[in-house]
């Protein structure tokens, strides 16, 4: 028996569309990260880009559990002598897609391949998206204790 290892460019990516309405950010990001890495496929190879593309719509309607919407802090270093920070409620007003992108980015591996995986994530504000020509399949993600739909 030989173990199958996919070569780069050998696997054609599928496109999935996810409606993020009333989905918990962490659970949705977990499922999206698994699809981007390709771990939902039997042909998963750690060093090759075997994942699929994901289009997320209605990203402004994601929810946090508990008091995270007011107590959680996103911090970053600006180069000056202090850090900047903001709450998810503030970030939701300015750029709601950044909340989901940041959550998925932190769940991906920390290497060059993860940057290419993250390029396959398309997050759209509102129910419409410009990726109809790729014919994405609708899939339900981000549900607690869910059996894999894919």
Foldseek 3Di string as FASTA:
>chain_A
DDDAADDAPPADAAEAEEEQAAFALLFQLVVLLCQLQVVVDPNRHRVYRRHHAYEYEQLLRHDHPDPQQPPPWDWDDDPDPDIDIDGLVVCSVPPSVVSNLVSNLVVHDPDPVSVVSSVRYHYYYHDDDPPVVSVHHYDYTRDPPDDHPD
